[in-house]
N, C-alpha and C. Protein backbone atom coordinates (compact mmCIF):
# COMPACT_ATOMS: atom_id res chain seq x y z
N MET A 1 -12.45 -2.93 36.61
CA MET A 1 -11.97 -3.94 35.98
C MET A 1 -13.01 -3.60 34.54
N HIS A 2 -12.43 -4.05 33.52
CA HIS A 2 -13.18 -3.98 32.37
C HIS A 2 -13.93 -5.12 32.01
N VAL A 3 -14.87 -5.39 31.52
CA VAL A 3 -15.71 -6.60 30.91
C VAL A 3 -15.65 -6.55 29.32
N ILE A 4 -15.68 -7.53 28.51
CA ILE A 4 -15.96 -7.28 27.26
C ILE A 4 -17.28 -8.70 27.34
N ARG A 5 -17.95 -8.08 26.27
CA ARG A 5 -19.22 -8.85 25.89
C ARG A 5 -19.68 -8.50 24.40
N GLU A 6 -20.57 -9.52 24.02
CA GLU A 6 -21.19 -9.22 22.39
C GLU A 6 -22.53 -7.56 22.53
N TYR A 7 -21.86 -6.86 21.02
CA TYR A 7 -22.85 -5.36 21.05
C TYR A 7 -24.05 -6.53 20.89
N ARG A 8 -25.00 -5.76 21.67
CA ARG A 8 -26.30 -5.87 21.73
C ARG A 8 -27.21 -4.42 20.76
N HIS A 9 -27.92 -4.94 20.18
CA HIS A 9 -28.71 -4.14 19.08
C HIS A 9 -29.60 -4.24 19.56
N PRO A 10 -30.76 -3.28 19.35
CA PRO A 10 -30.40 -1.89 18.91
C PRO A 10 -29.76 -1.08 20.08
N ASP A 11 -30.11 -1.58 21.46
CA ASP A 11 -29.51 -0.81 22.85
C ASP A 11 -28.42 -0.49 22.66
N ASP A 12 -27.31 -1.05 22.23
CA ASP A 12 -25.87 -0.15 21.91
C ASP A 12 -25.42 0.49 21.16
N TYR A 13 -26.19 0.17 19.87
CA TYR A 13 -26.22 1.11 19.23
C TYR A 13 -25.74 3.03 19.59
N PRO A 14 -26.19 3.81 20.27
CA PRO A 14 -26.24 5.10 20.27
C PRO A 14 -24.72 5.00 20.63
N ALA A 15 -24.43 4.04 21.96
CA ALA A 15 -23.14 4.34 22.84
C ALA A 15 -22.08 4.31 21.62
N VAL A 16 -22.29 2.65 20.81
CA VAL A 16 -21.10 2.99 20.02
C VAL A 16 -21.24 3.68 18.95
N LEU A 17 -22.12 4.56 18.30
CA LEU A 17 -21.79 5.41 17.53
C LEU A 17 -21.17 6.69 18.23
N ALA A 18 -21.90 6.77 19.33
CA ALA A 18 -21.35 8.45 19.66
C ALA A 18 -19.59 7.81 20.27
N LEU A 19 -19.30 6.73 20.57
CA LEU A 19 -17.82 6.26 21.16
C LEU A 19 -17.28 6.53 19.50
N TRP A 20 -17.64 5.79 18.37
CA TRP A 20 -16.81 5.63 17.04
C TRP A 20 -16.57 7.35 16.92
N GLU A 21 -17.94 8.17 16.97
CA GLU A 21 -17.43 9.64 16.29
C GLU A 21 -16.71 10.68 17.70
N SER A 22 -16.67 9.66 18.34
CA SER A 22 -15.62 10.48 19.36
C SER A 22 -14.12 10.32 19.14
N ILE A 23 -13.46 9.22 17.81
CA ILE A 23 -12.19 9.03 18.11
C ILE A 23 -11.34 9.69 17.10
N GLU A 24 -10.73 10.63 17.63
CA GLU A 24 -9.94 11.73 16.55
C GLU A 24 -9.77 11.15 14.98
N ARG A 25 -9.26 10.23 15.10
CA ARG A 25 -8.80 9.97 13.17
C ARG A 25 -8.81 7.98 13.61
N GLY A 26 -8.96 7.67 12.04
CA GLY A 26 -8.94 6.73 11.94
C GLY A 26 -10.55 5.84 11.72
N ILE A 27 -11.35 6.52 12.08
CA ILE A 27 -12.49 5.77 12.26
C ILE A 27 -13.43 6.99 11.05
N HIS A 28 -13.50 6.22 10.03
CA HIS A 28 -14.21 6.81 8.92
C HIS A 28 -15.51 6.56 8.96
N LEU A 29 -17.05 7.03 9.38
CA LEU A 29 -18.24 6.73 9.34
C LEU A 29 -18.94 6.71 7.87
N GLY A 30 -19.72 5.87 7.68
CA GLY A 30 -20.44 6.19 6.36
C GLY A 30 -21.46 5.39 6.52
N ARG A 31 -22.03 4.80 5.44
CA ARG A 31 -23.50 4.47 5.15
C ARG A 31 -23.65 3.24 5.54
N SER A 32 -22.66 2.36 6.02
CA SER A 32 -22.92 1.16 6.71
C SER A 32 -22.83 0.97 8.05
N ASP A 33 -22.71 2.25 8.41
CA ASP A 33 -22.98 2.47 9.63
C ASP A 33 -24.00 3.00 10.43
N THR A 34 -24.72 3.30 9.23
CA THR A 34 -26.27 2.89 10.18
C THR A 34 -26.85 2.60 11.51
N GLU A 35 -27.83 2.62 12.00
CA GLU A 35 -28.57 1.53 12.72
C GLU A 35 -29.39 0.68 11.93
N VAL A 36 -29.53 0.70 11.10
CA VAL A 36 -30.18 -0.55 10.29
C VAL A 36 -28.60 -1.54 9.72
N GLU A 37 -27.93 -0.78 8.87
CA GLU A 37 -26.89 -1.58 8.83
C GLU A 37 -25.69 -2.26 9.81
N ILE A 38 -25.82 -1.59 10.57
CA ILE A 38 -24.71 -2.13 11.89
C ILE A 38 -25.73 -3.31 12.61
N GLY A 39 -27.00 -3.21 12.31
CA GLY A 39 -28.00 -4.16 13.21
C GLY A 39 -28.11 -5.61 11.93
N ARG A 40 -27.99 -4.91 10.43
CA ARG A 40 -27.47 -6.39 9.56
C ARG A 40 -26.52 -7.22 9.66
N LYS A 41 -25.18 -6.47 10.43
CA LYS A 41 -24.01 -6.81 10.26
C LYS A 41 -23.83 -7.76 11.60
N GLN A 42 -24.29 -7.03 12.66
CA GLN A 42 -24.79 -8.25 14.02
C GLN A 42 -25.28 -9.20 13.66
N ALA A 43 -26.41 -9.19 12.78
CA ALA A 43 -27.24 -10.17 12.89
C ALA A 43 -26.50 -11.62 12.09
N HIS A 44 -25.69 -10.90 11.05
CA HIS A 44 -25.01 -11.87 10.68
C HIS A 44 -23.84 -12.80 11.27
N ASP A 45 -22.96 -11.78 11.68
CA ASP A 45 -21.42 -12.30 13.18
C ASP A 45 -21.55 -11.43 14.50
N PRO A 46 -23.20 -12.09 14.78
CA PRO A 46 -23.55 -11.81 16.32
C PRO A 46 -21.94 -12.16 17.70
N GLU A 47 -20.99 -12.82 16.90
CA GLU A 47 -19.96 -12.85 18.34
C GLU A 47 -19.05 -12.35 17.71
N LEU A 48 -19.17 -11.85 16.51
CA LEU A 48 -17.80 -11.00 15.91
C LEU A 48 -17.94 -9.53 16.34
N CYS A 49 -18.69 -8.95 17.12
CA CYS A 49 -19.42 -7.66 17.20
C CYS A 49 -19.13 -7.34 19.09
N LEU A 50 -18.02 -7.14 19.33
CA LEU A 50 -18.25 -6.54 20.58
C LEU A 50 -17.85 -5.25 21.41
N VAL A 51 -18.09 -5.42 22.59
CA VAL A 51 -18.07 -4.12 22.93
C VAL A 51 -17.21 -4.09 24.68
N ALA A 52 -16.82 -2.85 25.25
CA ALA A 52 -15.88 -3.32 26.57
C ALA A 52 -16.52 -2.23 27.60
N LEU A 53 -16.63 -2.61 28.66
CA LEU A 53 -17.30 -2.18 29.78
C LEU A 53 -16.52 -1.26 30.78
N SER A 54 -17.08 -0.26 30.71
CA SER A 54 -15.86 0.22 32.30
C SER A 54 -17.70 0.61 33.41
N GLY A 55 -18.18 -0.29 34.40
CA GLY A 55 -19.59 -0.49 34.97
C GLY A 55 -20.15 -0.52 33.55
N GLU A 56 -21.44 0.31 33.12
CA GLU A 56 -22.71 -0.05 32.73
C GLU A 56 -22.13 1.12 31.10
N ARG A 57 -20.64 1.91 31.67
CA ARG A 57 -20.70 2.50 29.85
C ARG A 57 -19.68 1.37 28.92
N ILE A 58 -20.59 1.39 28.15
CA ILE A 58 -19.42 1.45 26.48
C ILE A 58 -18.29 2.21 26.34
N VAL A 59 -16.77 1.94 26.78
CA VAL A 59 -15.57 2.41 26.24
C VAL A 59 -14.76 1.82 25.62
N GLY A 60 -15.41 1.04 24.68
CA GLY A 60 -14.41 -0.11 23.40
C GLY A 60 -15.76 -0.65 22.83
N ALA A 61 -14.66 -0.53 21.26
CA ALA A 61 -16.02 -1.06 20.71
C ALA A 61 -15.03 -1.94 19.26
N LEU A 62 -15.45 -2.83 18.55
CA LEU A 62 -14.83 -3.89 17.88
C LEU A 62 -15.58 -4.77 16.93
N MET A 63 -15.82 -4.63 15.59
CA MET A 63 -16.16 -5.06 14.89
C MET A 63 -15.58 -5.98 13.93
N GLY A 64 -15.62 -7.58 13.55
CA GLY A 64 -15.42 -8.19 12.94
C GLY A 64 -16.64 -9.12 12.05
N GLY A 65 -15.95 -9.64 10.89
CA GLY A 65 -16.30 -10.39 10.57
C GLY A 65 -15.75 -11.63 9.56
N TYR A 66 -16.26 -13.03 9.25
CA TYR A 66 -15.44 -14.10 8.76
C TYR A 66 -16.57 -14.60 7.46
N ASP A 67 -16.02 -14.89 6.70
CA ASP A 67 -17.07 -15.50 5.11
C ASP A 67 -16.35 -16.30 5.49
N GLY A 68 -16.20 -17.52 6.34
CA GLY A 68 -15.59 -19.07 5.69
C GLY A 68 -14.29 -19.10 5.54
N ARG A 69 -13.99 -17.95 5.15
CA ARG A 69 -12.52 -18.09 4.34
C ARG A 69 -11.54 -17.33 5.83
N ARG A 70 -11.40 -15.79 5.33
CA ARG A 70 -10.34 -14.74 5.66
C ARG A 70 -11.57 -14.31 6.74
N GLY A 71 -11.15 -13.67 7.91
CA GLY A 71 -11.70 -12.34 8.92
C GLY A 71 -11.64 -10.88 8.21
N LEU A 72 -12.02 -10.12 8.91
CA LEU A 72 -11.83 -8.72 8.37
C LEU A 72 -12.42 -8.21 9.82
N LEU A 73 -11.75 -7.29 10.24
CA LEU A 73 -11.90 -6.36 11.34
C LEU A 73 -11.76 -5.42 11.22
N TYR A 74 -12.68 -4.46 11.66
CA TYR A 74 -13.08 -3.20 11.38
C TYR A 74 -13.52 -1.88 12.94
N HIS A 75 -13.26 -1.22 12.82
CA HIS A 75 -13.74 -0.49 13.94
C HIS A 75 -13.36 0.08 15.32
N LEU A 76 -12.10 -0.57 15.93
CA LEU A 76 -11.60 -0.65 17.09
C LEU A 76 -11.78 0.94 17.76
N GLY A 77 -12.47 1.13 18.43
CA GLY A 77 -11.90 2.38 19.26
C GLY A 77 -12.34 2.13 20.81
N VAL A 78 -11.54 2.76 21.34
CA VAL A 78 -11.24 3.09 22.40
C VAL A 78 -11.22 4.41 22.74
N ALA A 79 -12.98 4.62 24.31
CA ALA A 79 -12.80 6.13 24.73
C ALA A 79 -11.63 6.75 25.13
N GLU A 80 -11.46 8.36 24.77
CA GLU A 80 -9.75 8.49 25.01
C GLU A 80 -9.24 8.44 26.49
N ALA A 81 -10.12 8.15 27.46
CA ALA A 81 -10.37 8.69 28.97
C ALA A 81 -9.66 7.37 29.29
N PHE A 82 -9.54 6.04 28.66
CA PHE A 82 -9.96 5.07 29.22
C PHE A 82 -8.43 3.95 27.59
N ARG A 83 -7.92 4.96 27.49
CA ARG A 83 -6.70 4.35 26.38
C ARG A 83 -5.49 4.15 27.55
N ASN A 84 -4.66 2.95 27.11
CA ASN A 84 -3.67 2.71 27.38
C ASN A 84 -3.95 1.89 28.63
N GLN A 85 -5.01 1.17 28.59
CA GLN A 85 -5.27 0.19 30.09
C GLN A 85 -5.74 -1.05 29.60
N GLY A 86 -4.96 -1.39 28.42
CA GLY A 86 -5.50 -2.62 27.83
C GLY A 86 -6.82 -2.95 27.16
N ILE A 87 -7.41 -2.08 26.71
CA ILE A 87 -8.70 -2.23 26.36
C ILE A 87 -8.63 -2.87 25.03
N GLY A 88 -7.84 -2.34 24.22
CA GLY A 88 -7.66 -2.08 23.00
C GLY A 88 -7.17 -3.60 22.58
N ARG A 89 -6.28 -3.91 23.20
CA ARG A 89 -5.52 -5.76 22.75
C ARG A 89 -6.43 -6.66 23.72
N ALA A 90 -7.40 -6.39 24.73
CA ALA A 90 -8.59 -7.30 25.40
C ALA A 90 -9.55 -7.53 24.27
N LEU A 91 -9.75 -6.23 23.74
CA LEU A 91 -11.09 -6.46 22.36
C LEU A 91 -10.13 -7.23 21.11
N MET A 92 -9.09 -7.45 20.82
CA MET A 92 -8.52 -8.12 19.72
C MET A 92 -8.26 -9.32 20.04
N ALA A 93 -7.90 -9.15 21.03
CA ALA A 93 -7.68 -10.98 22.01
C ALA A 93 -8.70 -11.74 21.50
N GLU A 94 -9.64 -11.01 22.35
CA GLU A 94 -10.94 -11.72 22.56
C GLU A 94 -11.41 -11.98 20.68
N MET A 95 -11.65 -11.05 19.99
CA MET A 95 -12.10 -11.24 18.72
C MET A 95 -11.15 -12.32 18.05
N GLU A 96 -9.39 -12.34 17.77
CA GLU A 96 -9.08 -12.99 17.48
C GLU A 96 -8.95 -14.64 17.90
N ALA A 97 -9.35 -15.20 19.60
CA ALA A 97 -9.87 -16.21 19.76
C ALA A 97 -11.16 -16.47 19.44
N ARG A 98 -12.32 -15.55 19.00
CA ARG A 98 -13.42 -16.17 18.34
C ARG A 98 -13.06 -16.37 16.63
N LEU A 99 -12.70 -15.69 16.18
CA LEU A 99 -11.95 -16.21 15.05
C LEU A 99 -11.61 -17.30 14.65
N ARG A 100 -10.54 -17.49 15.63
CA ARG A 100 -9.74 -18.62 15.63
C ARG A 100 -10.65 -19.99 15.60
N LYS A 101 -11.64 -20.13 17.25
CA LYS A 101 -12.75 -20.91 16.98
C LYS A 101 -13.71 -21.32 15.78
N GLN A 102 -13.67 -20.25 15.35
CA GLN A 102 -14.70 -20.59 13.92
C GLN A 102 -14.31 -20.69 12.77
N GLY A 103 -12.45 -21.25 12.75
CA GLY A 103 -11.73 -21.52 11.94
C GLY A 103 -11.26 -21.11 10.96
N CYS A 104 -10.91 -19.51 11.23
CA CYS A 104 -10.20 -18.47 10.26
C CYS A 104 -8.96 -18.55 10.70
N LEU A 105 -8.50 -18.67 9.15
CA LEU A 105 -6.77 -19.02 9.31
C LEU A 105 -5.86 -17.53 9.14
N LYS A 106 -6.52 -16.58 8.50
CA LYS A 106 -6.21 -15.31 8.03
C LYS A 106 -7.01 -14.51 8.40
N CYS A 107 -6.61 -13.46 8.52
CA CYS A 107 -7.58 -12.10 8.97
C CYS A 107 -6.80 -10.59 7.82
N TYR A 108 -7.62 -9.89 8.18
CA TYR A 108 -7.25 -8.30 7.50
C TYR A 108 -7.28 -7.59 8.31
N LEU A 109 -7.16 -6.80 8.31
CA LEU A 109 -7.47 -5.18 9.15
C LEU A 109 -7.15 -4.21 8.10
N LEU A 110 -8.63 -2.68 8.27
CA LEU A 110 -8.00 -1.92 7.31
C LEU A 110 -7.67 -0.89 8.27
N VAL A 111 -6.48 0.11 7.84
CA VAL A 111 -6.21 0.56 8.47
C VAL A 111 -6.00 1.98 7.21
N THR A 112 -7.17 3.17 7.72
CA THR A 112 -7.12 4.54 6.82
C THR A 112 -5.82 5.13 7.03
N ARG A 113 -5.02 5.97 6.04
CA ARG A 113 -3.90 6.36 5.18
C ARG A 113 -3.56 7.48 6.77
N ASP A 114 -4.46 8.34 7.24
CA ASP A 114 -4.59 9.37 8.31
C ASP A 114 -4.44 9.01 9.21
N ASN A 115 -3.75 7.61 9.64
CA ASN A 115 -3.94 6.79 11.13
C ASN A 115 -2.33 6.14 11.26
N PRO A 116 -1.11 6.99 11.11
CA PRO A 116 0.13 5.92 11.37
C PRO A 116 0.33 5.26 12.43
N ASP A 117 -0.48 5.62 13.55
CA ASP A 117 -0.37 5.31 15.36
C ASP A 117 -1.09 4.22 15.25
N ALA A 118 -2.04 4.05 14.27
CA ALA A 118 -2.52 2.65 14.32
C ALA A 118 -2.07 1.61 13.53
N ILE A 119 -1.16 1.95 12.78
CA ILE A 119 -0.51 0.96 11.87
C ILE A 119 0.60 0.58 12.98
N GLY A 120 1.24 1.35 13.50
CA GLY A 120 2.59 0.80 14.36
C GLY A 120 1.77 -0.12 15.79
N TYR A 121 0.51 0.48 16.15
CA TYR A 121 0.09 -0.10 16.74
C TYR A 121 -0.72 -1.75 16.51
N TYR A 122 -1.06 -1.83 15.49
CA TYR A 122 -1.62 -2.81 15.38
C TYR A 122 -0.15 -4.02 14.52
N MET A 123 0.84 -3.47 13.95
CA MET A 123 2.10 -4.23 13.98
C MET A 123 2.75 -5.04 14.95
N ALA A 124 2.84 -4.10 16.22
CA ALA A 124 3.11 -4.48 17.59
C ALA A 124 2.66 -5.49 17.92
N GLN A 125 1.53 -6.10 17.45
CA GLN A 125 0.61 -7.06 18.05
C GLN A 125 0.44 -8.10 17.03
N GLY A 126 1.66 -8.05 15.63
CA GLY A 126 1.89 -9.20 15.10
C GLY A 126 1.68 -9.39 13.59
N TRP A 127 0.65 -8.13 13.38
CA TRP A 127 -0.07 -7.91 12.10
C TRP A 127 1.62 -7.24 11.34
N SER A 128 0.95 -7.32 9.93
CA SER A 128 2.04 -7.09 8.93
C SER A 128 1.59 -6.43 8.02
N GLU A 129 2.36 -5.61 7.31
CA GLU A 129 1.60 -4.43 6.24
C GLU A 129 1.56 -5.10 4.75
N ILE A 130 0.50 -5.08 4.37
CA ILE A 130 0.85 -5.66 2.39
C ILE A 130 0.62 -4.04 1.77
N THR A 131 2.16 -3.85 1.32
CA THR A 131 2.52 -2.53 1.05
C THR A 131 1.60 -1.97 -0.15
N ASP A 132 1.16 -3.13 -0.96
CA ASP A 132 0.91 -2.82 -3.07
C ASP A 132 -0.85 -2.64 -2.43
N VAL A 133 -1.57 -2.91 -1.25
CA VAL A 133 -2.89 -2.02 -1.51
C VAL A 133 -3.31 -1.97 0.00
N ARG A 134 -2.38 -1.93 1.08
CA ARG A 134 -2.11 -1.21 2.32
C ARG A 134 -3.29 -2.07 3.14
N LEU A 135 -3.22 -3.13 3.01
CA LEU A 135 -4.01 -3.81 3.80
C LEU A 135 -2.75 -4.93 4.89
N LEU A 136 -3.27 -4.49 6.16
CA LEU A 136 -2.65 -5.73 7.24
C LEU A 136 -3.28 -6.94 7.25
N SER A 137 -2.31 -7.74 7.59
CA SER A 137 -2.86 -9.20 7.66
C SER A 137 -2.01 -10.20 8.91
N LYS A 138 -2.90 -11.08 9.33
CA LYS A 138 -1.78 -11.89 10.39
C LYS A 138 -2.58 -13.41 10.10
N GLU A 139 -1.38 -14.56 10.18
CA GLU A 139 -2.05 -15.61 10.08
C GLU A 139 -1.95 -16.45 11.25
N PHE A 140 -3.27 -17.16 11.54
CA PHE A 140 -3.50 -17.74 12.50
C PHE A 140 -3.44 -19.50 12.59
N GLU A 141 -3.34 -19.88 13.47
CA GLU A 141 -2.58 -21.36 13.73
C GLU A 141 -3.82 -21.87 14.20
N PRO A 142 -3.82 -23.16 13.20
CA PRO A 142 -5.28 -24.39 13.09
C PRO A 142 -4.89 -24.43 14.69
């Protein structure tokens, strides 16, 4: 059984960073992924920073944001040994529910060009490609 809960900063940071670093492609870490910056992000949208647990181990993570008009999702990652068990879908479903609860009607998702499998994964969940800027979008019902 996998449990989804809100990310706890700074305690969860080392495990989440290690998870993101272990992802083969698609997650490109940068200066906004330092412990300080992730702490700022979590303080801004605490309910939109999620982790998935198997026992006490963090095996999945997803960050999201909402600016009052649009949502944005990034850094969905699931540990390789735990893939194809519905963890990514569960994280996405929980995030979408939380965004809807805040009044979000549309959300964007950034996918790197080196990760075509992710594009297929998201499109199978109802996301659509915005070809001129390479963004994915999904409309939410009010």
